[in-house]
Amino acid sequence: MNFLAQGNRADVSSASGAPGQSTVWVEEALFGHRLWPRQTPWLLFLEFLNVAEAFHRMDAETAFTPRAPDRLHPYRMRFRLGLRAILFSNDDMERIAAASDDNESQWTEWLASMQGLSAGTDFEYLRDRFSSFRDFAELVGLVRQTKLENEHNRRATSRFIFPFGVDALFSDAIQNDKTGTITADFNNFGRTGEILYMMASRAKRGSELRASFAALFDPNQSKNRLIARLSAPSDDEANRDQKGETYLPYRQHPAFDRLAQDWIAIFALGLPGQDAFAHLVPIGTFHVVLYQLETAAALAGRPVRPALVCELIAPKREFVRQRSIISYQDNDSLTLRALDAVITRFEEELEWVALLNEEVSDQERADRAADLIEARFHYRETAGRSTAPHDLIANLRREVEEKHEVGAGRVHSSYTKQIGLSSSRGTNRMRYAPNDALLKTLVVTRVAERIEFKRFLSDLYEHYGLVFGETEARAALDPAEFDAAAFERNRARLEARLASMGLLQRLSDGCAYVVNPFSGEQ
């Protein structure tokens, strides 16, 4: 595939994280640094928004365009410690608001309770912004209800609220228990949001996203002004200096272009307020998955990108369910097979083969083998430089696999489940079985005008690789793996599902049409 062409590959040696931060740099060189499965779709999107806002703040005219050819340009985020203390460390507020009608004593007691909670922030400014303590407490209570809870980490510096505007955006952080120092944390914001920003920026239509996101970052939005009333004056300080260590190997990629195309289509609907986020979030996450799968397929030597065979859950186990399970498992293991294929090709290169056959001492052979592998994969053998070449390769494969299993190797399974694309419902094995929310997002994203149902299925296959009906299954599967009748029933279930959701109409001409409820054209 053309995105693997040498001229389209970024310089691995220029990636600042390569030699020093990892004992082996293989999956990062092929897929980017880093794809992180612990990020939920919302955390991924929040990190993306923080990055996009930082570049918008630096220079609004160049946001969503690549500033550096190989890696992310340095930028600065905000921690907003004052706002976070009010929202997430403010345990006494409700009790104080309910215990007394004396406004002055309420403020005095609450301010005393907040001493030392936010790096010396003086919350006296709130007195001038609210007519009463109860008004302040009511607004805090309302904003708290929009929190996007991270179930794996409930500390205040890793909690977030719905991104109503620029004042609601802040970076993930961690506080040192001994020194109180606040620093960036890369466990919840694992840099995949940075990858997503780079993908959008490198898309052919990436710059068209600039105006839409600029509107979201307008501080004068009504909901953002409510958040701004709570924010401390120091919250606007950019206090996370990110040095641009994130690395994306490809300057162009079909997945980048499809991501931008989909986001542009969602913004074009003119959805009110932040309603677009309900669709921007899962579609953005989906394209990260598709980028990884499409890249893995190319690296593994496959001529076409992967298909995702989807089951509309049937009352009993059918052929489509079996094919969906197989499709899911094949894609889930695809990235590891791609890594293995890259190492295998290295073993077949003339320089490596010549080294194995050359008449030199075992120690010299081991030294030169270690040099070759270190130059290609930034891998240093922990046992020293006396390891035989075959054992060195075996150790490399083992470390690559172990690292992949806890990192980028779980992106497919984690992200597809969280966006509602995969499920084990009705069986003990995962397969692609889109839920109603994702089906609606696919319609909202891909249907600008009313479209005939069969054309809609064809578009989902061409754009995403999703297989629902018999026509697409015939194109995607080997004849021995294809059952037309089973996929016809699967298509009929999807048609009925969309109709029940108000997303499909059958007209008098006997044709079924998929309709976007937000397009204005029914």
Protein backbone atom coordinates (compact mmCIF):
# COMPACT_ATOMS: atom_id res chain seq x y z
CA MET A 1 0.00 0.00 0.00
CA ASN A 2 1.31 3.43 -0.95
CA PHE A 3 1.40 4.85 2.58
CA LEU A 4 4.24 2.39 3.30
CA ALA A 5 6.38 4.00 0.60
CA GLN A 6 9.75 5.14 1.89
CA GLY A 7 9.11 8.79 1.03
CA ASN A 8 5.99 8.77 3.19
CA ARG A 9 7.74 7.34 6.25
CA ALA A 10 8.89 9.63 9.00
CA ASP A 11 12.46 9.36 10.25
CA VAL A 12 12.46 6.90 13.15
CA SER A 13 15.80 8.20 14.39
CA SER A 14 14.27 11.66 14.82
CA ALA A 15 11.65 10.37 17.24
CA SER A 16 12.88 11.69 20.56
CA GLY A 17 11.44 8.77 22.49
CA ALA A 18 13.11 6.04 20.45
CA PRO A 19 16.48 5.14 21.92
CA GLY A 20 16.16 6.26 25.51
CA GLN A 21 12.61 5.66 26.66
CA SER A 22 12.06 2.08 25.58
CA THR A 23 14.16 -1.09 25.55
CA VAL A 24 12.64 -2.00 22.19
CA TRP A 25 11.21 0.34 19.57
CA VAL A 26 9.29 -1.77 17.07
CA GLU A 27 5.53 -1.20 17.42
CA GLU A 28 6.19 2.54 17.89
CA ALA A 29 8.21 2.70 14.68
CA LEU A 30 5.39 1.01 12.76
CA PHE A 31 2.24 2.42 14.38
CA GLY A 32 3.35 5.48 16.37
CA HIS A 33 4.18 6.52 19.92
CA ARG A 34 1.81 5.80 21.37
CA LEU A 35 -1.45 3.88 20.95
CA TRP A 36 -2.64 3.36 24.51
CA PRO A 37 -5.55 1.02 25.36
CA ARG A 38 -6.21 2.44 28.84
CA GLN A 39 -7.73 5.60 27.40
CA THR A 40 -11.49 5.50 27.12
CA PRO A 41 -12.94 7.12 23.99
CA TRP A 42 -13.82 10.21 26.04
CA LEU A 43 -10.35 10.46 27.58
CA LEU A 44 -8.84 10.08 24.12
CA PHE A 45 -11.06 12.86 22.77
CA LEU A 46 -10.43 15.11 25.78
CA GLU A 47 -6.70 14.77 25.27
CA PHE A 48 -7.20 15.55 21.59
CA LEU A 49 -9.22 18.67 22.47
CA ASN A 50 -6.52 19.85 24.85
CA VAL A 51 -3.89 19.44 22.14
CA ALA A 52 -6.03 21.12 19.47
CA GLU A 53 -6.81 24.03 21.80
CA ALA A 54 -3.12 24.46 22.63
CA PHE A 55 -2.20 24.78 18.95
CA HIS A 56 -5.20 27.06 18.36
CA ARG A 57 -3.94 29.25 21.22
CA MET A 58 -0.42 29.34 19.74
CA ASP A 59 -1.56 30.29 16.24
CA ALA A 60 -5.18 29.86 15.19
CA GLU A 61 -4.26 30.22 11.51
CA THR A 62 -2.00 27.17 11.48
CA ALA A 63 -3.97 24.81 13.72
CA PHE A 64 -4.71 21.44 12.10
CA THR A 65 -1.68 21.65 9.84
CA PRO A 66 1.56 19.76 10.48
CA ARG A 67 4.21 21.96 12.11
CA ALA A 68 6.93 19.30 12.16
CA PRO A 69 7.38 16.54 9.55
CA ASP A 70 7.85 13.58 11.88
CA ARG A 71 6.56 14.30 15.36
CA LEU A 72 4.28 16.63 17.27
CA HIS A 73 5.51 20.19 17.70
CA PRO A 74 5.99 21.30 21.33
CA TYR A 75 2.90 22.83 22.94
CA ARG A 76 1.57 23.82 26.36
CA MET A 77 -1.52 22.60 28.27
CA ARG A 78 -3.22 23.80 31.42
CA PHE A 79 -3.81 22.01 34.72
CA ARG A 80 -6.53 24.45 35.99
CA LEU A 81 -5.84 23.47 39.60
CA GLY A 82 -8.20 26.05 41.08
CA LEU A 83 -11.20 24.83 39.10
CA ARG A 84 -10.38 21.20 39.84
CA ALA A 85 -10.13 21.89 43.57
CA ILE A 86 -13.58 23.50 43.52
CA LEU A 87 -15.12 20.63 41.58
CA PHE A 88 -13.35 17.59 42.98
CA SER A 89 -11.80 18.47 46.37
CA ASN A 90 -14.65 20.56 47.71
CA ASP A 91 -16.21 18.06 50.13
CA ASP A 92 -17.72 20.55 52.61
CA MET A 93 -19.61 22.79 50.20
CA GLU A 94 -23.03 21.09 50.34
CA ARG A 95 -22.95 20.76 54.11
CA ILE A 96 -22.06 24.44 54.55
CA ALA A 97 -24.75 25.56 52.09
CA ALA A 98 -27.43 23.57 53.94
CA ALA A 99 -26.32 24.34 57.51
CA SER A 100 -26.86 28.10 57.61
CA ASP A 101 -28.61 31.05 55.98
CA ASP A 102 -25.82 33.45 56.89
CA ASN A 103 -24.06 34.19 53.62
CA GLU A 104 -20.98 35.72 55.26
CA SER A 105 -20.40 32.82 57.64
CA GLN A 106 -20.88 30.35 54.79
CA TRP A 107 -18.16 32.01 52.75
CA THR A 108 -15.85 32.27 55.75
CA GLU A 109 -16.21 28.61 56.70
CA TRP A 110 -15.88 27.37 53.14
CA LEU A 111 -12.80 29.47 52.37
CA ALA A 112 -11.16 28.14 55.52
CA SER A 113 -11.91 24.56 54.42
CA MET A 114 -10.19 25.18 51.06
CA GLN A 115 -6.91 26.42 52.50
CA GLY A 116 -3.93 24.57 51.06
CA LEU A 117 -5.94 22.46 48.61
CA SER A 118 -4.75 24.06 45.39
CA ALA A 119 -1.13 25.17 45.46
CA GLY A 120 -1.88 28.32 47.41
CA THR A 121 -4.88 29.44 45.32
CA ASP A 122 -6.87 32.18 47.09
CA PHE A 123 -10.56 31.54 46.41
CA GLU A 124 -11.66 34.98 47.65
CA TYR A 125 -12.32 35.95 44.02
CA LEU A 126 -15.52 33.88 44.12
CA ARG A 127 -17.21 36.32 46.52
CA ASP A 128 -17.26 38.97 43.79
CA ARG A 129 -18.60 36.62 41.14
CA PHE A 130 -21.66 35.27 42.99
CA SER A 131 -24.42 37.12 44.78
CA SER A 132 -24.59 34.39 47.43
CA PHE A 133 -22.79 31.28 48.56
CA ARG A 134 -25.81 29.18 47.66
CA ASP A 135 -25.73 30.44 44.05
CA PHE A 136 -22.09 29.38 43.92
CA ALA A 137 -22.91 25.96 45.43
CA GLU A 138 -25.76 25.39 42.96
CA LEU A 139 -23.52 26.09 39.96
CA VAL A 140 -20.81 23.79 41.29
CA GLY A 141 -23.41 21.06 41.79
CA LEU A 142 -24.66 21.43 38.23
CA VAL A 143 -21.16 21.28 36.73
CA ARG A 144 -20.26 18.26 38.85
CA GLN A 145 -23.14 16.36 37.27
CA THR A 146 -21.34 16.55 33.92
CA LYS A 147 -18.17 14.84 35.13
CA LEU A 148 -16.73 12.19 32.87
CA GLU A 149 -15.74 9.62 35.47
CA ASN A 150 -12.62 7.58 35.02
CA GLU A 151 -13.42 4.43 36.96
CA HIS A 152 -9.77 3.36 37.12
CA ASN A 153 -8.51 6.48 38.85
CA ARG A 154 -10.63 8.79 40.97
CA ARG A 155 -7.98 11.23 42.20
CA ALA A 156 -8.93 14.88 41.67
CA THR A 157 -6.19 15.53 39.12
CA SER A 158 -7.50 12.73 36.88
CA ARG A 159 -11.17 13.72 36.87
CA PHE A 160 -12.74 15.65 34.05
CA ILE A 161 -15.96 17.41 33.13
CA PHE A 162 -17.86 17.63 29.87
CA PRO A 163 -15.92 19.93 27.51
CA PHE A 164 -18.40 22.81 27.41
CA GLY A 165 -15.67 25.16 26.25
CA VAL A 166 -12.08 26.21 26.57
CA ASP A 167 -12.34 26.80 30.35
CA ALA A 168 -13.47 23.19 30.84
CA LEU A 169 -10.32 21.76 29.24
CA PHE A 170 -7.40 20.68 31.39
CA SER A 171 -4.64 18.12 31.19
CA ASP A 172 -4.32 14.90 33.15
CA ALA A 173 -1.96 15.37 36.09
CA ILE A 174 -0.52 13.71 39.16
CA GLN A 175 0.51 15.20 42.49
CA ASN A 176 3.57 14.08 44.42
CA ASP A 177 2.35 13.15 47.91
CA LYS A 178 5.60 14.26 49.54
CA THR A 179 6.42 17.50 47.73
CA GLY A 180 2.97 18.50 46.47
CA THR A 181 4.43 19.08 43.00
CA ILE A 182 1.97 18.71 40.11
CA THR A 183 3.27 17.08 36.92
CA ALA A 184 1.77 15.63 33.74
CA ASP A 185 0.48 12.06 33.91
CA PHE A 186 0.56 9.79 30.86
CA ASN A 187 -1.58 6.97 32.23
CA ASN A 188 -5.00 8.46 31.48
CA PHE A 189 -3.85 10.88 28.80
CA GLY A 190 -1.55 8.32 27.19
CA ARG A 191 -0.68 10.36 24.04
CA THR A 192 -3.24 8.65 21.78
CA GLY A 193 -5.11 11.97 21.76
CA GLU A 194 -1.93 13.51 20.39
CA ILE A 195 -1.83 10.80 17.73
CA LEU A 196 -5.46 11.64 16.85
CA TYR A 197 -4.58 15.33 16.45
CA MET A 198 -1.65 14.44 14.21
CA MET A 199 -3.88 12.18 12.11
CA ALA A 200 -6.40 14.99 11.59
CA SER A 201 -3.64 17.53 10.87
CA ARG A 202 -2.03 15.33 8.21
CA ALA A 203 -5.32 14.64 6.41
CA LYS A 204 -5.79 16.24 2.99
CA ARG A 205 -8.80 18.17 4.34
CA GLY A 206 -7.43 18.61 7.84
CA SER A 207 -7.28 22.40 7.65
CA GLU A 208 -11.06 22.47 7.04
CA LEU A 209 -11.53 21.37 10.65
CA ARG A 210 -9.87 24.54 11.92
CA ALA A 211 -12.94 26.80 11.91
CA SER A 212 -15.25 24.23 13.51
CA PHE A 213 -12.96 23.57 16.45
CA ALA A 214 -12.14 27.28 16.76
CA ALA A 215 -15.85 27.87 17.42
CA LEU A 216 -15.74 25.27 20.20
CA PHE A 217 -12.76 27.08 21.73
CA ASP A 218 -14.52 30.48 21.75
CA PRO A 219 -14.47 31.61 25.42
CA ASN A 220 -17.68 33.61 24.91
CA GLN A 221 -19.89 30.56 24.52
CA SER A 222 -22.67 30.78 27.09
CA LYS A 223 -21.91 27.46 28.80
CA ASN A 224 -18.20 28.22 28.85
CA ARG A 225 -18.88 31.51 30.62
CA LEU A 226 -20.49 29.55 33.46
CA ILE A 227 -17.33 27.48 33.87
CA ALA A 228 -15.22 30.64 33.68
CA ARG A 229 -17.09 32.06 36.69
CA LEU A 230 -15.64 29.24 38.78
CA SER A 231 -12.10 29.34 37.38
CA ALA A 232 -9.29 30.94 39.35
CA PRO A 233 -7.24 33.70 37.66
CA SER A 234 -4.22 31.37 37.73
CA ASP A 235 -6.13 28.65 35.83
CA ASP A 236 -5.35 30.30 32.50
CA GLU A 237 -1.63 29.77 32.99
CA ALA A 238 -0.19 27.16 30.61
CA ASN A 239 1.73 25.00 33.05
CA ARG A 240 2.28 21.74 31.24
CA ASP A 241 5.13 22.01 28.76
CA GLN A 242 4.83 19.07 26.36
CA LYS A 243 8.01 18.65 24.36
CA GLY A 244 6.62 17.00 21.25
CA GLU A 245 7.76 13.44 21.92
CA THR A 246 4.75 11.87 20.20
CA TYR A 247 5.66 10.22 16.91
CA LEU A 248 3.47 9.19 13.96
CA PRO A 249 5.30 7.21 11.26
CA TYR A 250 3.31 8.29 8.18
CA ARG A 251 2.96 11.72 6.65
CA GLN A 252 -0.07 10.56 4.63
CA HIS A 253 -2.48 7.71 5.22
CA PRO A 254 -5.99 6.86 3.93
CA ALA A 255 -7.23 6.59 7.52
CA PHE A 256 -6.22 10.22 8.17
CA ASP A 257 -8.28 11.40 5.22
CA ARG A 258 -11.35 9.37 6.21
CA LEU A 259 -11.16 10.73 9.78
CA ALA A 260 -11.20 14.34 8.59
CA GLN A 261 -13.95 13.59 6.07
CA ASP A 262 -16.20 12.13 8.77
CA TRP A 263 -15.62 14.93 11.28
CA ILE A 264 -16.28 17.55 8.60
CA ALA A 265 -19.55 15.78 7.77
CA ILE A 266 -20.65 15.82 11.42
CA PHE A 267 -19.86 19.51 11.83
CA ALA A 268 -21.70 20.26 8.57
CA LEU A 269 -24.96 19.16 10.23
CA GLY A 270 -24.82 22.23 12.47
CA LEU A 271 -25.79 20.30 15.57
CA PRO A 272 -26.56 22.62 18.51
CA GLY A 273 -23.97 23.25 21.18
CA GLN A 274 -21.77 20.29 21.94
CA ASP A 275 -24.26 17.68 20.65
CA ALA A 276 -21.76 16.85 17.94
CA PHE A 277 -19.46 15.32 20.58
CA ALA A 278 -21.74 12.29 20.87
CA HIS A 279 -20.65 11.39 17.34
CA LEU A 280 -17.19 12.97 17.09
CA VAL A 281 -15.96 10.85 20.03
CA PRO A 282 -16.81 7.32 18.78
CA ILE A 283 -15.94 8.10 15.16
CA GLY A 284 -12.55 9.50 16.18
CA THR A 285 -11.81 6.41 18.27
CA PHE A 286 -13.00 4.13 15.46
CA HIS A 287 -10.57 5.71 13.02
CA VAL A 288 -7.68 5.12 15.43
CA VAL A 289 -8.63 1.42 15.34
CA LEU A 290 -8.94 1.42 11.56
CA TYR A 291 -5.60 3.20 11.19
CA GLN A 292 -3.92 0.49 13.26
CA LEU A 293 -5.66 -2.38 11.43
CA GLU A 294 -5.04 -0.99 7.95
CA THR A 295 -1.38 -0.35 8.73
CA ALA A 296 -0.97 -3.83 10.24
CA ALA A 297 -2.54 -5.44 7.18
CA ALA A 298 -0.13 -3.64 4.88
CA LEU A 299 2.88 -4.53 7.03
CA ALA A 300 1.76 -8.17 7.10
CA GLY A 301 1.69 -8.21 3.31
CA ARG A 302 -2.07 -8.29 2.79
CA PRO A 303 -3.23 -6.75 -0.51
CA VAL A 304 -6.44 -5.27 0.92
CA ARG A 305 -7.40 -3.65 4.22
CA PRO A 306 -9.28 -5.75 6.80
CA ALA A 307 -13.00 -6.34 6.70
CA LEU A 308 -15.10 -6.22 9.88
CA VAL A 309 -17.95 -8.73 9.58
CA CYS A 310 -20.81 -7.47 11.76
CA GLU A 311 -23.67 -9.45 13.22
CA LEU A 312 -27.04 -7.95 13.98
CA ILE A 313 -27.71 -10.12 16.99
CA ALA A 314 -30.00 -13.01 16.08
CA PRO A 315 -32.23 -15.07 18.40
CA LYS A 316 -29.93 -18.04 17.94
CA ARG A 317 -26.39 -18.71 16.76
CA GLU A 318 -26.10 -18.37 13.00
CA PHE A 319 -23.42 -18.52 10.33
CA VAL A 320 -22.90 -14.74 10.44
CA ARG A 321 -22.08 -14.91 14.13
CA GLN A 322 -19.39 -17.50 13.45
CA ARG A 323 -17.93 -15.35 10.67
CA SER A 324 -18.04 -12.26 12.89
CA ILE A 325 -16.16 -14.09 15.67
CA ILE A 326 -13.51 -15.23 13.19
CA SER A 327 -13.26 -11.73 11.69
CA TYR A 328 -12.81 -10.21 15.15
CA GLN A 329 -10.17 -12.73 16.20
CA ASP A 330 -8.26 -12.33 12.95
CA ASN A 331 -8.16 -8.55 13.31
CA ASP A 332 -7.34 -8.74 17.00
CA SER A 333 -4.16 -10.69 16.26
CA LEU A 334 -3.26 -8.76 13.13
CA THR A 335 -0.95 -6.20 14.72
CA LEU A 336 1.20 -8.86 16.38
CA ARG A 337 1.46 -10.76 13.08
CA ALA A 338 2.53 -7.50 11.42
CA LEU A 339 5.31 -7.04 13.97
CA ASP A 340 6.42 -10.62 13.44
CA ALA A 341 6.42 -10.14 9.66
CA VAL A 342 8.66 -7.07 9.98
CA ILE A 343 11.19 -9.03 12.07
CA THR A 344 11.02 -11.93 9.61
CA ARG A 345 11.79 -9.61 6.70
CA PHE A 346 14.77 -8.29 8.65
CA GLU A 347 16.06 -11.87 9.00
CA GLU A 348 15.80 -12.26 5.22
CA GLU A 349 17.84 -9.18 4.41
CA LEU A 350 21.18 -9.77 2.70
CA GLU A 351 23.24 -8.14 5.43
CA TRP A 352 21.78 -10.39 8.15
CA VAL A 353 22.01 -13.56 6.04
CA ALA A 354 25.62 -12.75 5.11
CA LEU A 355 26.51 -12.25 8.77
CA LEU A 356 25.16 -15.70 9.67
CA ASN A 357 27.22 -17.35 6.93
CA GLU A 358 30.43 -15.37 7.36
CA GLU A 359 33.47 -17.12 8.82
CA VAL A 360 34.14 -15.00 11.90
CA SER A 361 34.45 -15.72 15.60
CA ASP A 362 31.28 -16.26 17.61
CA GLN A 363 31.97 -13.12 19.61
CA GLU A 364 32.42 -10.96 16.52
CA ARG A 365 29.26 -12.41 14.99
CA ALA A 366 27.36 -11.68 18.21
CA ASP A 367 28.70 -8.12 18.35
CA ARG A 368 27.78 -7.33 14.77
CA ALA A 369 24.35 -8.95 15.13
CA ALA A 370 23.72 -6.80 18.20
CA ASP A 371 24.77 -3.69 16.26
CA LEU A 372 22.44 -4.49 13.36
CA ILE A 373 19.45 -5.11 15.62
CA GLU A 374 20.14 -2.05 17.73
CA ALA A 375 20.39 0.13 14.62
CA ARG A 376 17.09 -1.20 13.23
CA PHE A 377 14.96 -1.72 16.33
CA HIS A 378 16.73 0.27 19.09
CA TYR A 379 16.88 -3.02 20.98
CA ARG A 380 19.72 -3.74 23.39
CA GLU A 381 20.11 -7.29 24.67
CA THR A 382 19.98 -7.15 28.46
CA ALA A 383 22.15 -10.29 28.79
CA GLY A 384 25.06 -8.58 27.06
CA ARG A 385 26.64 -8.75 23.64
CA SER A 386 27.60 -12.42 23.65
CA THR A 387 24.17 -13.73 22.64
CA ALA A 388 24.08 -15.78 19.44
CA PRO A 389 22.18 -14.12 16.53
CA HIS A 390 19.33 -16.67 16.49
CA ASP A 391 18.85 -16.30 20.23
CA LEU A 392 19.01 -12.53 19.90
CA ILE A 393 16.18 -12.59 17.38
CA ALA A 394 14.16 -14.91 19.63
CA ASN A 395 14.66 -12.56 22.58
CA LEU A 396 13.64 -9.60 20.42
CA ARG A 397 10.43 -11.34 19.37
CA ARG A 398 9.62 -12.22 22.98
CA GLU A 399 10.10 -8.68 24.24
CA VAL A 400 8.11 -7.23 21.35
CA GLU A 401 5.24 -9.63 22.07
CA GLU A 402 5.26 -9.03 25.82
CA LYS A 403 5.24 -5.27 25.36
CA HIS A 404 2.57 -5.45 22.66
CA GLU A 405 0.23 -7.58 24.78
CA VAL A 406 -0.09 -4.87 27.44
CA GLY A 407 0.03 -1.91 25.08
CA ALA A 408 -0.94 -1.36 21.47
CA GLY A 409 -2.00 -5.00 21.11
CA ARG A 410 -5.08 -4.27 23.24
CA VAL A 411 -6.20 -1.16 21.36
CA HIS A 412 -8.49 -3.08 19.00
CA SER A 413 -10.27 -5.07 21.71
CA SER A 414 -10.54 -2.16 24.15
CA TYR A 415 -11.66 0.55 21.75
CA THR A 416 -14.14 -1.50 19.69
CA LYS A 417 -15.88 -2.63 22.88
CA GLN A 418 -16.08 0.87 24.32
CA ILE A 419 -17.52 2.50 21.19
CA GLY A 420 -20.15 -0.24 20.91
CA LEU A 421 -18.73 -2.05 17.88
CA SER A 422 -17.86 -5.37 19.56
CA SER A 423 -19.71 -7.43 22.12
CA SER A 424 -19.92 -10.90 23.67
CA ARG A 425 -23.67 -10.66 24.16
CA GLY A 426 -25.34 -14.01 23.60
CA THR A 427 -22.03 -15.87 23.50
CA ASN A 428 -18.79 -16.17 25.43
CA ARG A 429 -16.68 -14.89 22.53
CA MET A 430 -16.22 -11.36 21.26
CA ARG A 431 -17.38 -10.43 17.79
CA TYR A 432 -18.46 -7.32 15.88
CA ALA A 433 -22.07 -6.54 16.85
CA PRO A 434 -22.73 -2.77 16.68
CA ASN A 435 -25.10 -1.31 19.27
CA ASP A 436 -27.82 1.23 18.55
CA ALA A 437 -25.72 4.24 19.55
CA LEU A 438 -22.96 3.37 17.09
CA LEU A 439 -25.44 2.57 14.32
CA LYS A 440 -26.97 6.02 14.79
CA THR A 441 -23.52 7.61 14.68
CA LEU A 442 -22.76 5.80 11.41
CA VAL A 443 -25.99 7.15 9.92
CA VAL A 444 -25.38 10.68 11.23
CA THR A 445 -21.83 10.64 9.86
CA ARG A 446 -22.32 9.00 6.46
CA VAL A 447 -25.83 10.06 5.37
CA ALA A 448 -25.92 13.67 4.24
CA GLU A 449 -29.07 13.11 2.20
CA ARG A 450 -31.57 10.28 2.09
CA ILE A 451 -29.82 7.24 0.63
CA GLU A 452 -31.07 3.89 -0.58
CA PHE A 453 -30.38 1.17 2.00
CA LYS A 454 -28.22 -0.96 -0.28
CA ARG A 455 -26.08 2.04 -1.19
CA PHE A 456 -25.69 2.78 2.52
CA LEU A 457 -24.37 -0.74 3.14
CA SER A 458 -21.98 -0.40 0.22
CA ASP A 459 -20.70 2.91 1.60
CA LEU A 460 -20.10 1.42 5.07
CA TYR A 461 -18.02 -1.31 3.45
CA GLU A 462 -16.02 1.02 1.21
CA HIS A 463 -15.40 3.61 3.93
CA TYR A 464 -14.89 1.47 7.04
CA GLY A 465 -14.71 -2.14 5.88
CA LEU A 466 -17.95 -2.98 7.72
CA VAL A 467 -19.79 -6.01 6.32
CA PHE A 468 -23.52 -6.47 7.00
CA GLY A 469 -25.18 -7.79 3.84
CA GLU A 470 -24.64 -10.47 1.23
CA THR A 471 -23.17 -8.18 -1.46
CA GLU A 472 -20.38 -6.90 0.78
CA ALA A 473 -19.79 -10.34 2.29
CA ARG A 474 -19.32 -11.82 -1.18
CA ALA A 475 -16.65 -9.19 -1.89
CA ALA A 476 -14.89 -9.57 1.48
CA LEU A 477 -14.94 -13.32 2.09
CA ASP A 478 -13.62 -16.40 0.34
CA PRO A 479 -16.39 -18.41 -1.37
CA ALA A 480 -15.98 -21.21 1.18
CA GLU A 481 -16.70 -18.72 3.98
CA PHE A 482 -19.79 -17.19 2.37
CA ASP A 483 -23.46 -18.04 2.88
CA ALA A 484 -25.74 -15.68 0.96
CA ALA A 485 -28.92 -16.63 2.82
CA ALA A 486 -27.36 -16.02 6.24
CA PHE A 487 -26.11 -12.56 5.24
CA GLU A 488 -29.49 -11.73 3.67
CA ARG A 489 -31.11 -12.41 7.05
CA ASN A 490 -28.44 -10.31 8.75
CA ARG A 491 -29.17 -7.44 6.35
CA ALA A 492 -32.88 -7.74 7.04
CA ARG A 493 -32.26 -7.52 10.79
CA LEU A 494 -30.23 -4.35 10.28
CA GLU A 495 -32.98 -2.87 8.15
CA ALA A 496 -35.55 -3.62 10.85
CA ARG A 497 -33.28 -2.19 13.54
CA LEU A 498 -32.74 1.08 11.69
CA ALA A 499 -36.49 1.36 11.02
CA SER A 500 -37.27 0.90 14.72
CA MET A 501 -34.82 3.72 15.50
CA GLY A 502 -36.48 6.07 13.01
CA LEU A 503 -33.44 6.00 10.74
CA LEU A 504 -34.97 4.10 7.82
CA GLN A 505 -38.13 4.62 5.78
CA ARG A 506 -39.74 2.32 3.24
CA LEU A 507 -41.52 4.35 0.54
CA SER A 508 -44.28 3.47 -1.88
CA ASP A 509 -41.81 2.46 -4.59
CA GLY A 510 -40.83 -0.48 -2.37
CA CYS A 511 -37.32 0.86 -1.71
CA ALA A 512 -35.91 1.36 1.78
CA TYR A 513 -34.07 4.63 2.45
CA VAL A 514 -31.75 5.51 5.30
CA VAL A 515 -32.36 9.01 6.67
CA ASN A 516 -30.29 11.26 8.88
CA PRO A 517 -32.57 12.83 11.53
CA PHE A 518 -30.34 15.92 11.65
CA SER A 519 -29.89 16.54 7.92
CA GLY A 520 -33.10 18.55 7.43
CA GLU A 521 -33.99 16.36 4.47
CA GLN A 522 -36.39 13.49 5.12
